[in-house]
Amino acid sequence: MTDDRDESLEERRAHLGAELASKRAEMKEDERGEVRAETSRKGYAQAMKLSSEFIAAIIVGAVLGYVFDRFVGTAPWGMIILLLLGFCAGVLNVLRSAGKVTTPKLDARGPGEK
């Protein structure tokens, strides 16, 4: 009787151990999926940030050029020049945000000090 009971407990323990191992494997797979999803979300957020900075700089340049042309009367030249400057500013902002170009740091020392 005790042998049957011991065998039954051993079988149940082995069965529960197998179930536990399969659940742990499923959880690890879910965790890996979450890590991949988080990485994907961060990449998407970075792409949206960079593209919005780039487009905003171009739009600001175009609007300022249009306003400049309306008040000064230099139609299309103000818009062309400020649109190109907006494009350059947008590219510089994207490069700074991506970490390819560093922002220059102002030196607190005076011109004669070392």
PDB file of N, CA and C in Angstrom:
ATOM      1  N   MET A   1       0.809  -1.176   0.000  1.00  0.00           N
ATOM      2  CA  MET A   1       0.000   0.000   0.000  1.00  0.00           C
ATOM      3  C   MET A   1       0.865   1.258   0.000  1.00  0.00           C
ATOM      4  N   THR A   2       1.889   1.279   0.832  1.00  0.00           N
ATOM      5  CA  THR A   2       2.764   2.447   0.858  1.00  0.00           C
ATOM      6  C   THR A   2       3.561   2.554  -0.438  1.00  0.00           C
ATOM      7  N   ASP A   3       3.865   1.394  -1.056  1.00  0.00           N
ATOM      8  CA  ASP A   3       4.591   1.442  -2.330  1.00  0.00           C
ATOM      9  C   ASP A   3       3.719   2.064  -3.417  1.00  0.00           C
ATOM     10  N   ASP A   4       2.425   1.692  -3.445  1.00  0.00           N
ATOM     11  CA  ASP A   4       1.503   2.266  -4.427  1.00  0.00           C
ATOM     12  C   ASP A   4       1.364   3.775  -4.221  1.00  0.00           C
ATOM     13  N   ARG A   5       1.302   4.134  -2.959  1.00  0.00           N
ATOM     14  CA  ARG A   5       1.155   5.556  -2.638  1.00  0.00           C
ATOM     15  C   ARG A   5       2.424   6.312  -3.007  1.00  0.00           C
ATOM     16  N   ASP A   6       3.592   5.751  -2.738  1.00  0.00           N
ATOM     17  CA  ASP A   6       4.856   6.385  -3.093  1.00  0.00           C
ATOM     18  C   ASP A   6       4.995   6.508  -4.607  1.00  0.00           C
ATOM     19  N   GLU A   7       4.601   5.453  -5.333  1.00  0.00           N
ATOM     20  CA  GLU A   7       4.664   5.491  -6.789  1.00  0.00           C
ATOM     21  C   GLU A   7       3.709   6.542  -7.337  1.00  0.00           C
ATOM     22  N   SER A   8       2.530   6.630  -6.753  1.00  0.00           N
ATOM     23  CA  SER A   8       1.554   7.617  -7.181  1.00  0.00           C
ATOM     24  C   SER A   8       2.078   9.023  -6.943  1.00  0.00           C
ATOM     25  N   LEU A   9       2.700   9.241  -5.793  1.00  0.00           N
ATOM     26  CA  LEU A   9       3.275  10.555  -5.499  1.00  0.00           C
ATOM     27  C   LEU A   9       4.436  10.871  -6.431  1.00  0.00           C
ATOM     28  N   GLU A  10       5.257   9.883  -6.725  1.00  0.00           N
ATOM     29  CA  GLU A  10       6.384  10.077  -7.645  1.00  0.00           C
ATOM     30  C   GLU A  10       5.891  10.423  -9.050  1.00  0.00           C
ATOM     31  N   GLU A  11       4.845   9.700  -9.490  1.00  0.00           N
ATOM     32  CA  GLU A  11       4.274   9.989 -10.816  1.00  0.00           C
ATOM     33  C   GLU A  11       3.696  11.398 -10.859  1.00  0.00           C
ATOM     34  N   ARG A  12       3.003  11.748  -9.797  1.00  0.00           N
ATOM     35  CA  ARG A  12       2.408  13.083  -9.745  1.00  0.00           C
ATOM     36  C   ARG A  12       3.489  14.151  -9.696  1.00  0.00           C
ATOM     37  N   ARG A  13       4.553  13.920  -8.921  1.00  0.00           N
ATOM     38  CA  ARG A  13       5.663  14.871  -8.836  1.00  0.00           C
ATOM     39  C   ARG A  13       6.333  15.026 -10.195  1.00  0.00           C
ATOM     40  N   ALA A  14       6.550  13.923 -10.895  1.00  0.00           N
ATOM     41  CA  ALA A  14       7.168  13.978 -12.217  1.00  0.00           C
ATOM     42  C   ALA A  14       6.276  14.730 -13.200  1.00  0.00           C
ATOM     43  N   HIS A  15       4.967  14.473 -13.129  1.00  0.00           N
ATOM     44  CA  HIS A  15       4.019  15.143 -14.006  1.00  0.00           C
ATOM     45  C   HIS A  15       4.007  16.649 -13.730  1.00  0.00           C
ATOM     46  N   LEU A  16       3.962  17.033 -12.457  1.00  0.00           N
ATOM     47  CA  LEU A  16       3.967  18.448 -12.093  1.00  0.00           C
ATOM     48  C   LEU A  16       5.280  19.121 -12.481  1.00  0.00           C
ATOM     49  N   GLY A  17       6.389  18.389 -12.331  1.00  0.00           N
ATOM     50  CA  GLY A  17       7.689  18.929 -12.743  1.00  0.00           C
ATOM     51  C   GLY A  17       7.726  19.194 -14.239  1.00  0.00           C
ATOM     52  N   ALA A  18       7.158  18.295 -15.036  1.00  0.00           N
ATOM     53  CA  ALA A  18       7.113  18.490 -16.489  1.00  0.00           C
ATOM     54  C   ALA A  18       6.236  19.682 -16.846  1.00  0.00           C
ATOM     55  N   GLU A  19       5.093  19.802 -16.184  1.00  0.00           N
ATOM     56  CA  GLU A  19       4.216  20.949 -16.436  1.00  0.00           C
ATOM     57  C   GLU A  19       4.893  22.259 -16.065  1.00  0.00           C
ATOM     58  N   LEU A  20       5.582  22.261 -14.930  1.00  0.00           N
ATOM     59  CA  LEU A  20       6.289  23.453 -14.486  1.00  0.00           C
ATOM     60  C   LEU A  20       7.381  23.843 -15.478  1.00  0.00           C
ATOM     61  N   ALA A  21       8.107  22.872 -15.982  1.00  0.00           N
ATOM     62  CA  ALA A  21       9.154  23.153 -16.969  1.00  0.00           C
ATOM     63  C   ALA A  21       8.562  23.740 -18.244  1.00  0.00           C
ATOM     64  N   SER A  22       7.426  23.204 -18.681  1.00  0.00           N
ATOM     65  CA  SER A  22       6.807  23.736 -19.902  1.00  0.00           C
ATOM     66  C   SER A  22       6.287  25.160 -19.671  1.00  0.00           C
ATOM     67  N   LYS A  23       5.735  25.430 -18.495  1.00  0.00           N
ATOM     68  CA  LYS A  23       5.260  26.785 -18.184  1.00  0.00           C
ATOM     69  C   LYS A  23       6.420  27.771 -18.126  1.00  0.00           C
ATOM     70  N   ARG A  24       7.539  27.349 -17.547  1.00  0.00           N
ATOM     71  CA  ARG A  24       8.716  28.222 -17.491  1.00  0.00           C
ATOM     72  C   ARG A  24       9.227  28.530 -18.893  1.00  0.00           C
ATOM     73  N   ALA A  25       9.224  27.538 -19.766  1.00  0.00           N
ATOM     74  CA  ALA A  25       9.660  27.749 -21.147  1.00  0.00           C
ATOM     75  C   ALA A  25       8.736  28.737 -21.860  1.00  0.00           C
ATOM     76  N   GLU A  26       7.424  28.610 -21.625  1.00  0.00           N
ATOM     77  CA  GLU A  26       6.474  29.538 -22.225  1.00  0.00           C
ATOM     78  C   GLU A  26       6.692  30.957 -21.714  1.00  0.00           C
ATOM     79  N   MET A  27       6.944  31.096 -20.407  1.00  0.00           N
ATOM     80  CA  MET A  27       7.170  32.420 -19.838  1.00  0.00           C
ATOM     81  C   MET A  27       8.429  33.052 -20.387  1.00  0.00           C
ATOM     82  N   LYS A  28       9.496  32.271 -20.581  1.00  0.00           N
ATOM     83  CA  LYS A  28      10.720  32.819 -21.149  1.00  0.00           C
ATOM     84  C   LYS A  28      10.484  33.294 -22.573  1.00  0.00           C
ATOM     85  N   GLU A  29       9.704  32.535 -23.333  1.00  0.00           N
ATOM     86  CA  GLU A  29       9.378  32.938 -24.701  1.00  0.00           C
ATOM     87  C   GLU A  29       8.569  34.232 -24.700  1.00  0.00           C
ATOM     88  N   ASP A  30       7.613  34.347 -23.768  1.00  0.00           N
ATOM     89  CA  ASP A  30       6.824  35.572 -23.649  1.00  0.00           C
ATOM     90  C   ASP A  30       7.706  36.754 -23.273  1.00  0.00           C
ATOM     91  N   GLU A  31       8.650  36.545 -22.365  1.00  0.00           N
ATOM     92  CA  GLU A  31       9.556  37.625 -21.964  1.00  0.00           C
ATOM     93  C   GLU A  31      10.414  38.076 -23.137  1.00  0.00           C
ATOM     94  N   ARG A  32      10.905  37.130 -23.931  1.00  0.00           N
ATOM     95  CA  ARG A  32      11.692  37.496 -25.111  1.00  0.00           C
ATOM     96  C   ARG A  32      10.847  38.288 -26.098  1.00  0.00           C
ATOM     97  N   GLY A  33       9.599  37.896 -26.248  1.00  0.00           N
ATOM     98  CA  GLY A  33       8.690  38.633 -27.126  1.00  0.00           C
ATOM     99  C   GLY A  33       8.450  40.047 -26.629  1.00  0.00           C
ATOM    100  N   GLU A  34       8.320  40.215 -25.327  1.00  0.00           N
ATOM    101  CA  GLU A  34       8.136  41.541 -24.744  1.00  0.00           C
ATOM    102  C   GLU A  34       9.362  42.415 -24.956  1.00  0.00           C
ATOM    103  N   VAL A  35      10.546  41.833 -24.816  1.00  0.00           N
ATOM    104  CA  VAL A  35      11.778  42.592 -25.022  1.00  0.00           C
ATOM    105  C   VAL A  35      11.863  43.055 -26.472  1.00  0.00           C
ATOM    106  N   ARG A  36      11.535  42.165 -27.402  1.00  0.00           N
ATOM    107  CA  ARG A  36      11.551  42.542 -28.820  1.00  0.00           C
ATOM    108  C   ARG A  36      10.523  43.633 -29.101  1.00  0.00           C
ATOM    109  N   ALA A  37       9.348  43.527 -28.515  1.00  0.00           N
ATOM    110  CA  ALA A  37       8.306  44.537 -28.720  1.00  0.00           C
ATOM    111  C   ALA A  37       8.731  45.884 -28.149  1.00  0.00           C
ATOM    112  N   GLU A  38       9.358  45.865 -26.988  1.00  0.00           N
ATOM    113  CA  GLU A  38       9.829  47.112 -26.369  1.00  0.00           C
ATOM    114  C   GLU A  38      10.896  47.771 -27.235  1.00  0.00           C
ATOM    115  N   THR A  39      11.802  46.985 -27.774  1.00  0.00           N
ATOM    116  CA  THR A  39      12.840  47.519 -28.657  1.00  0.00           C
ATOM    117  C   THR A  39      12.211  48.119 -29.905  1.00  0.00           C
ATOM    118  N   SER A  40      11.220  47.452 -30.434  1.00  0.00           N
ATOM    119  CA  SER A  40      10.527  47.940 -31.626  1.00  0.00           C
ATOM    120  C   SER A  40       9.806  49.257 -31.331  1.00  0.00           C
ATOM    121  N   ARG A  41       9.156  49.336 -30.177  1.00  0.00           N
ATOM    122  CA  ARG A  41       8.460  50.572 -29.808  1.00  0.00           C
ATOM    123  C   ARG A  41       9.436  51.720 -29.635  1.00  0.00           C
ATOM    124  N   LYS A  42      10.582  51.467 -29.023  1.00  0.00           N
ATOM    125  CA  LYS A  42      11.575  52.528 -28.841  1.00  0.00           C
ATOM    126  C   LYS A  42      12.100  53.013 -30.185  1.00  0.00           C
ATOM    127  N   GLY A  43      12.322  52.089 -31.096  1.00  0.00           N
ATOM    128  CA  GLY A  43      12.792  52.473 -32.425  1.00  0.00           C
ATOM    129  C   GLY A  43      11.763  53.307 -33.170  1.00  0.00           C
ATOM    130  N   TYR A  44      10.499  52.930 -33.055  1.00  0.00           N
ATOM    131  CA  TYR A  44       9.431  53.682 -33.702  1.00  0.00           C
ATOM    132  C   TYR A  44       9.324  55.084 -33.100  1.00  0.00           C
ATOM    133  N   ALA A  45       9.430  55.194 -31.793  1.00  0.00           N
ATOM    134  CA  ALA A  45       9.358  56.503 -31.132  1.00  0.00           C
ATOM    135  C   ALA A  45      10.519  57.390 -31.571  1.00  0.00           C
ATOM    136  N   GLN A  46      11.703  56.813 -31.672  1.00  0.00           N
ATOM    137  CA  GLN A  46      12.874  57.578 -32.120  1.00  0.00           C
ATOM    138  C   GLN A  46      12.685  58.046 -33.560  1.00  0.00           C
ATOM    139  N   ALA A  47      12.153  57.191 -34.419  1.00  0.00           N
ATOM    140  CA  ALA A  47      11.922  57.564 -35.814  1.00  0.00           C
ATOM    141  C   ALA A  47      10.896  58.690 -35.918  1.00  0.00           C
ATOM    142  N   MET A  48       9.842  58.619 -35.126  1.00  0.00           N
ATOM    143  CA  MET A  48       8.832  59.682 -35.150  1.00  0.00           C
ATOM    144  C   MET A  48       9.407  61.003 -34.655  1.00  0.00           C
ATOM    145  N   LYS A  49      10.245  60.944 -33.642  1.00  0.00           N
ATOM    146  CA  LYS A  49      10.867  62.157 -33.106  1.00  0.00           C
ATOM    147  C   LYS A  49      11.777  62.793 -34.143  1.00  0.00           C
ATOM    148  N   LEU A  50      12.607  61.986 -34.786  1.00  0.00           N
ATOM    149  CA  LEU A  50      13.541  62.521 -35.776  1.00  0.00           C
ATOM    150  C   LEU A  50      12.802  63.094 -36.979  1.00  0.00           C
ATOM    151  N   SER A  51      11.790  62.391 -37.451  1.00  0.00           N
ATOM    152  CA  SER A  51      11.072  62.884 -38.628  1.00  0.00           C
ATOM    153  C   SER A  51      10.288  64.156 -38.313  1.00  0.00           C
ATOM    154  N   SER A  52       9.704  64.244 -37.131  1.00  0.00           N
ATOM    155  CA  SER A  52       8.955  65.454 -36.790  1.00  0.00           C
ATOM    156  C   SER A  52       9.883  66.651 -36.626  1.00  0.00           C
ATOM    157  N   GLU A  53      11.075  66.458 -36.080  1.00  0.00           N
ATOM    158  CA  GLU A  53      12.029  67.556 -35.971  1.00  0.00           C
ATOM    159  C   GLU A  53      12.465  68.035 -37.355  1.00  0.00           C
ATOM    160  N   PHE A  54      12.690  67.113 -38.249  1.00  0.00           N
ATOM    161  CA  PHE A  54      13.127  67.455 -39.595  1.00  0.00           C
ATOM    162  C   PHE A  54      12.031  68.222 -40.341  1.00  0.00           C
ATOM    163  N   ILE A  55      10.819  67.720 -40.308  1.00  0.00           N
ATOM    164  CA  ILE A  55       9.717  68.363 -41.024  1.00  0.00           C
ATOM    165  C   ILE A  55       9.382  69.719 -40.405  1.00  0.00           C
ATOM    166  N   ALA A  56       9.441  69.834 -39.090  1.00  0.00           N
ATOM    167  CA  ALA A  56       9.145  71.104 -38.427  1.00  0.00           C
ATOM    168  C   ALA A  56      10.137  72.180 -38.842  1.00  0.00           C
ATOM    169  N   ALA A  57      11.406  71.853 -38.948  1.00  0.00           N
ATOM    170  CA  ALA A  57      12.409  72.841 -39.351  1.00  0.00           C
ATOM    171  C   ALA A  57      12.154  73.316 -40.779  1.00  0.00           C
ATOM    172  N   ILE A  58      11.778  72.418 -41.668  1.00  0.00           N
ATOM    173  CA  ILE A  58      11.499  72.806 -43.052  1.00  0.00           C
ATOM    174  C   ILE A  58      10.260  73.698 -43.113  1.00  0.00           C
ATOM    175  N   ILE A  59       9.227  73.351 -42.372  1.00  0.00           N
ATOM    176  CA  ILE A  59       7.996  74.150 -42.380  1.00  0.00           C
ATOM    177  C   ILE A  59       8.245  75.543 -41.811  1.00  0.00           C
ATOM    178  N   VAL A  60       9.000  75.615 -40.720  1.00  0.00           N
ATOM    179  CA  VAL A  60       9.317  76.926 -40.132  1.00  0.00           C
ATOM    180  C   VAL A  60      10.099  77.767 -41.121  1.00  0.00           C
ATOM    181  N   GLY A  61      11.069  77.184 -41.806  1.00  0.00           N
ATOM    182  CA  GLY A  61      11.828  77.925 -42.814  1.00  0.00           C
ATOM    183  C   GLY A  61      10.940  78.425 -43.941  1.00  0.00           C
ATOM    184  N   ALA A  62      10.016  77.588 -44.404  1.00  0.00           N
ATOM    185  CA  ALA A  62       9.120  77.993 -45.490  1.00  0.00           C
ATOM    186  C   ALA A  62       8.181  79.114 -45.048  1.00  0.00           C
ATOM    187  N   VAL A  63       7.628  79.007 -43.851  1.00  0.00           N
ATOM    188  CA  VAL A  63       6.713  80.042 -43.353  1.00  0.00           C
ATOM    189  C   VAL A  63       7.449  81.357 -43.146  1.00  0.00           C
ATOM    190  N   LEU A  64       8.621  81.317 -42.562  1.00  0.00           N
ATOM    191  CA  LEU A  64       9.395  82.551 -42.375  1.00  0.00           C
ATOM    192  C   LEU A  64       9.776  83.170 -43.720  1.00  0.00           C
ATOM    193  N   GLY A  65      10.120  82.339 -44.689  1.00  0.00           N
ATOM    194  CA  GLY A  65      10.437  82.853 -46.024  1.00  0.00           C
ATOM    195  C   GLY A  65       9.237  83.501 -46.679  1.00  0.00           C
ATOM    196  N   TYR A  66       8.075  82.895 -46.539  1.00  0.00           N
ATOM    197  CA  TYR A  66       6.852  83.462 -47.102  1.00  0.00           C
ATOM    198  C   TYR A  66       6.534  84.811 -46.464  1.00  0.00           C
ATOM    199  N   VAL A  67       6.608  84.864 -45.134  1.00  0.00           N
ATOM    200  CA  VAL A  67       6.329  86.114 -44.419  1.00  0.00           C
ATOM    201  C   VAL A  67       7.349  87.177 -44.815  1.00  0.00           C
ATOM    202  N   PHE A  68       8.602  86.801 -44.915  1.00  0.00           N
ATOM    203  CA  PHE A  68       9.651  87.743 -45.310  1.00  0.00           C
ATOM    204  C   PHE A  68       9.366  88.292 -46.715  1.00  0.00           C
ATOM    205  N   ASP A  69       8.985  87.417 -47.643  1.00  0.00           N
ATOM    206  CA  ASP A  69       8.674  87.848 -49.000  1.00  0.00           C
ATOM    207  C   ASP A  69       7.454  88.765 -49.043  1.00  0.00           C
ATOM    208  N   ARG A  70       6.457  88.513 -48.224  1.00  0.00           N
ATOM    209  CA  ARG A  70       5.252  89.349 -48.222  1.00  0.00           C
ATOM    210  C   ARG A  70       5.552  90.770 -47.728  1.00  0.00           C
ATOM    211  N   PHE A  71       6.403  90.895 -46.720  1.00  0.00           N
ATOM    212  CA  PHE A  71       6.678  92.220 -46.163  1.00  0.00           C
ATOM    213  C   PHE A  71       7.758  92.968 -46.923  1.00  0.00           C
ATOM    214  N   VAL A  72       8.751  92.292 -47.431  1.00  0.00           N
ATOM    215  CA  VAL A  72       9.864  92.962 -48.095  1.00  0.00           C
ATOM    216  C   VAL A  72       9.638  93.035 -49.603  1.00  0.00           C
ATOM    217  N   GLY A  73       8.910  92.098 -50.169  1.00  0.00           N
ATOM    218  CA  GLY A  73       8.627  92.111 -51.597  1.00  0.00           C
ATOM    219  C   GLY A  73       9.721  91.473 -52.440  1.00  0.00           C
ATOM    220  N   THR A  74      10.411  90.535 -51.897  1.00  0.00           N
ATOM    221  CA  THR A  74      11.495  89.871 -52.629  1.00  0.00           C
ATOM    222  C   THR A  74      11.065  88.499 -53.119  1.00  0.00           C
ATOM    223  N   ALA A  75       9.801  88.386 -53.532  1.00  0.00           N
ATOM    224  CA  ALA A  75       9.214  87.081 -53.868  1.00  0.00           C
ATOM    225  C   ALA A  75      10.143  86.226 -54.694  1.00  0.00           C
ATOM    226  N   PRO A  76      10.324  85.165 -54.848  1.00  0.00           N
ATOM    227  CA  PRO A  76      10.555  83.854 -54.297  1.00  0.00           C
ATOM    228  C   PRO A  76      11.869  83.703 -53.556  1.00  0.00           C
ATOM    229  N   TRP A  77      12.752  84.737 -53.585  1.00  0.00           N
ATOM    230  CA  TRP A  77      14.111  84.553 -53.055  1.00  0.00           C
ATOM    231  C   TRP A  77      14.152  84.354 -51.553  1.00  0.00           C
ATOM    232  N   GLY A  78      13.378  85.096 -50.812  1.00  0.00           N
ATOM    233  CA  GLY A  78      13.350  84.916 -49.358  1.00  0.00           C
ATOM    234  C   GLY A  78      12.873  83.526 -48.974  1.00  0.00           C
ATOM    235  N   MET A  79      11.852  83.060 -49.678  1.00  0.00           N
ATOM    236  CA  MET A  79      11.328  81.730 -49.373  1.00  0.00           C
ATOM    237  C   MET A  79      12.330  80.648 -49.759  1.00  0.00           C
ATOM    238  N   ILE A  80      12.963  80.799 -50.892  1.00  0.00           N
ATOM    239  CA  ILE A  80      13.939  79.801 -51.338  1.00  0.00           C
ATOM    240  C   ILE A  80      15.096  79.709 -50.346  1.00  0.00           C
ATOM    241  N   ILE A  81      15.639  80.857 -49.966  1.00  0.00           N
ATOM    242  CA  ILE A  81      16.801  80.866 -49.066  1.00  0.00           C
ATOM    243  C   ILE A  81      16.422  80.339 -47.683  1.00  0.00           C
ATOM    244  N   LEU A  82      15.313  80.806 -47.128  1.00  0.00           N
ATOM    245  CA  LEU A  82      14.926  80.346 -45.790  1.00  0.00           C
ATOM    246  C   LEU A  82      14.451  78.894 -45.799  1.00  0.00           C
ATOM    247  N   LEU A  83      13.887  78.435 -46.909  1.00  0.00           N
ATOM    248  CA  LEU A  83      13.524  77.018 -47.024  1.00  0.00           C
ATOM    249  C   LEU A  83      14.783  76.150 -47.006  1.00  0.00           C
ATOM    250  N   LEU A  84      15.813  76.573 -47.722  1.00  0.00           N
ATOM    251  CA  LEU A  84      17.080  75.827 -47.705  1.00  0.00           C
ATOM    252  C   LEU A  84      17.734  75.874 -46.323  1.00  0.00           C
ATOM    253  N   LEU A  85      17.669  77.035 -45.673  1.00  0.00           N
ATOM    254  CA  LEU A  85      18.205  77.127 -44.310  1.00  0.00           C
ATOM    255  C   LEU A  85      17.413  76.236 -43.350  1.00  0.00           C
ATOM    256  N   GLY A  86      16.100  76.165 -43.521  1.00  0.00           N
ATOM    257  CA  GLY A  86      15.273  75.274 -42.707  1.00  0.00           C
ATOM    258  C   GLY A  86      15.643  73.823 -42.942  1.00  0.00           C
ATOM    259  N   PHE A  87      15.907  73.460 -44.193  1.00  0.00           N
ATOM    260  CA  PHE A  87      16.325  72.094 -44.510  1.00  0.00           C
ATOM    261  C   PHE A  87      17.654  71.775 -43.825  1.00  0.00           C
ATOM    262  N   CYS A  88      18.604  72.704 -43.907  1.00  0.00           N
ATOM    263  CA  CYS A  88      19.904  72.484 -43.247  1.00  0.00           C
ATOM    264  C   CYS A  88      19.747  72.383 -41.730  1.00  0.00           C
ATOM    265  N   ALA A  89      18.904  73.228 -41.158  1.00  0.00           N
ATOM    266  CA  ALA A  89      18.659  73.167 -39.718  1.00  0.00           C
ATOM    267  C   ALA A  89      18.002  71.844 -39.338  1.00  0.00           C
ATOM    268  N   GLY A  90      17.097  71.360 -40.167  1.00  0.00           N
ATOM    269  CA  GLY A  90      16.445  70.079 -39.910  1.00  0.00           C
ATOM    270  C   GLY A  90      17.435  68.925 -39.939  1.00  0.00           C
ATOM    271  N   VAL A  91      18.324  68.935 -40.919  1.00  0.00           N
ATOM    272  CA  VAL A  91      19.346  67.888 -41.004  1.00  0.00           C
ATOM    273  C   VAL A  91      20.258  67.952 -39.786  1.00  0.00           C
ATOM    274  N   LEU A  92      20.654  69.151 -39.380  1.00  0.00           N
ATOM    275  CA  LEU A  92      21.521  69.297 -38.205  1.00  0.00           C
ATOM    276  C   LEU A  92      20.816  68.819 -36.942  1.00  0.00           C
ATOM    277  N   ASN A  93      19.527  69.131 -36.782  1.00  0.00           N
ATOM    278  CA  ASN A  93      18.768  68.660 -35.611  1.00  0.00           C
ATOM    279  C   ASN A  93      18.681  67.145 -35.584  1.00  0.00           C
ATOM    280  N   VAL A  94      18.458  66.536 -36.735  1.00  0.00           N
ATOM    281  CA  VAL A  94      18.369  65.075 -36.794  1.00  0.00           C
ATOM    282  C   VAL A  94      19.717  64.455 -36.430  1.00  0.00           C
ATOM    283  N   LEU A  95      20.796  65.008 -36.953  1.00  0.00           N
ATOM    284  CA  LEU A  95      22.121  64.472 -36.637  1.00  0.00           C
ATOM    285  C   LEU A  95      22.450  64.637 -35.154  1.00  0.00           C
ATOM    286  N   ARG A  96      22.046  65.749 -34.579  1.00  0.00           N
ATOM    287  CA  ARG A  96      22.283  65.950 -33.141  1.00  0.00           C
ATOM    288  C   ARG A  96      21.462  64.960 -32.310  1.00  0.00           C
ATOM    289  N   SER A  97      20.203  64.783 -32.670  1.00  0.00           N
ATOM    290  CA  SER A  97      19.345  63.861 -31.924  1.00  0.00           C
ATOM    291  C   SER A  97      19.814  62.421 -32.053  1.00  0.00           C
ATOM    292  N   ALA A  98      20.338  62.076 -33.217  1.00  0.00           N
ATOM    293  CA  ALA A  98      20.809  60.710 -33.436  1.00  0.00           C
ATOM    294  C   ALA A  98      22.168  60.476 -32.789  1.00  0.00           C
ATOM    295  N   GLY A  99      22.818  61.545 -32.335  1.00  0.00           N
ATOM    296  CA  GLY A  99      24.106  61.403 -31.660  1.00  0.00           C
ATOM    297  C   GLY A  99      25.290  61.381 -32.601  1.00  0.00           C
ATOM    298  N   LYS A 100      25.091  61.764 -33.840  1.00  0.00           N
ATOM    299  CA  LYS A 100      26.184  61.780 -34.808  1.00  0.00           C
ATOM    300  C   LYS A 100      26.996  63.067 -34.722  1.00  0.00           C
ATOM    301  N   VAL A 101      26.369  64.147 -34.264  1.00  0.00           N
ATOM    302  CA  VAL A 101      27.037  65.433 -34.122  1.00  0.00           C
ATOM    303  C   VAL A 101      26.785  65.907 -32.693  1.00  0.00           C
ATOM    304  N   THR A 102      27.811  66.382 -32.040  1.00  0.00           N
ATOM    305  CA  THR A 102      27.632  66.864 -30.674  1.00  0.00           C
ATOM    306  C   THR A 102      27.352  68.357 -30.683  1.00  0.00           C
ATOM    307  N   THR A 103      26.646  68.808 -29.677  1.00  0.00           N
ATOM    308  CA  THR A 103      26.356  70.221 -29.514  1.00  0.00           C
ATOM    309  C   THR A 103      27.593  70.898 -28.951  1.00  0.00           C
ATOM    310  N   PRO A 104      28.041  71.991 -29.554  1.00  0.00           N
ATOM    311  CA  PRO A 104      29.236  72.656 -29.033  1.00  0.00           C
ATOM    312  C   PRO A 104      28.983  73.218 -27.637  1.00  0.00           C
ATOM    313  N   LYS A 105      29.967  73.077 -26.772  1.00  0.00           N
ATOM    314  CA  LYS A 105      29.845  73.575 -25.407  1.00  0.00           C
ATOM    315  C   LYS A 105      30.565  74.915 -25.310  1.00  0.00           C
ATOM    316  N   LEU A 106      29.903  75.876 -24.694  1.00  0.00           N
ATOM    317  CA  LEU A 106      30.513  77.183 -24.516  1.00  0.00           C
ATOM    318  C   LEU A 106      31.488  77.142 -23.363  1.00  0.00           C
ATOM    319  N   ASP A 107      32.619  77.753 -23.559  1.00  0.00           N
ATOM    320  CA  ASP A 107      33.649  77.763 -22.522  1.00  0.00           C
ATOM    321  C   ASP A 107      33.376  78.927 -21.586  1.00  0.00           C
ATOM    322  N   ALA A 108      33.359  78.682 -20.283  1.00  0.00           N
ATOM    323  CA  ALA A 108      33.050  79.716 -19.297  1.00  0.00           C
ATOM    324  C   ALA A 108      34.234  80.633 -19.029  1.00  0.00           C
ATOM    325  N   ARG A 109      35.416  80.248 -19.514  1.00  0.00           N
ATOM    326  CA  ARG A 109      36.598  81.066 -19.271  1.00  0.00           C
ATOM    327  C   ARG A 109      36.640  82.273 -20.207  1.00  0.00           C
ATOM    328  N   GLY A 110      37.331  83.279 -19.801  1.00  0.00           N
ATOM    329  CA  GLY A 110      37.492  84.476 -20.622  1.00  0.00           C
ATOM    330  C   GLY A 110      38.532  84.225 -21.718  1.00  0.00           C
ATOM    331  N   PRO A 111      38.697  85.188 -22.632  1.00  0.00           N
ATOM    332  CA  PRO A 111      39.612  84.986 -23.756  1.00  0.00           C
ATOM    333  C   PRO A 111      41.076  84.908 -23.335  1.00  0.00           C
ATOM    334  N   GLY A 112      41.497  85.588 -22.267  1.00  0.00           N
ATOM    335  CA  GLY A 112      42.883  85.577 -21.861  1.00  0.00           C
ATOM    336  C   GLY A 112      43.226  84.486 -20.837  1.00  0.00           C
ATOM    337  N   GLU A 113      42.228  83.819 -20.289  1.00  0.00           N
ATOM    338  CA  GLU A 113      42.458  82.812 -19.259  1.00  0.00           C
ATOM    339  C   GLU A 113      42.705  81.446 -19.850  1.00  0.00           C
ATOM    340  N   LYS A 114      43.493  80.643 -19.134  1.00  0.00           N
ATOM    341  CA  LYS A 114      43.739  79.291 -19.584  1.00  0.00           C
ATOM    342  C   LYS A 114      43.358  78.306 -18.557  1.00  0.00           C
TER     343      LYS A 114
END
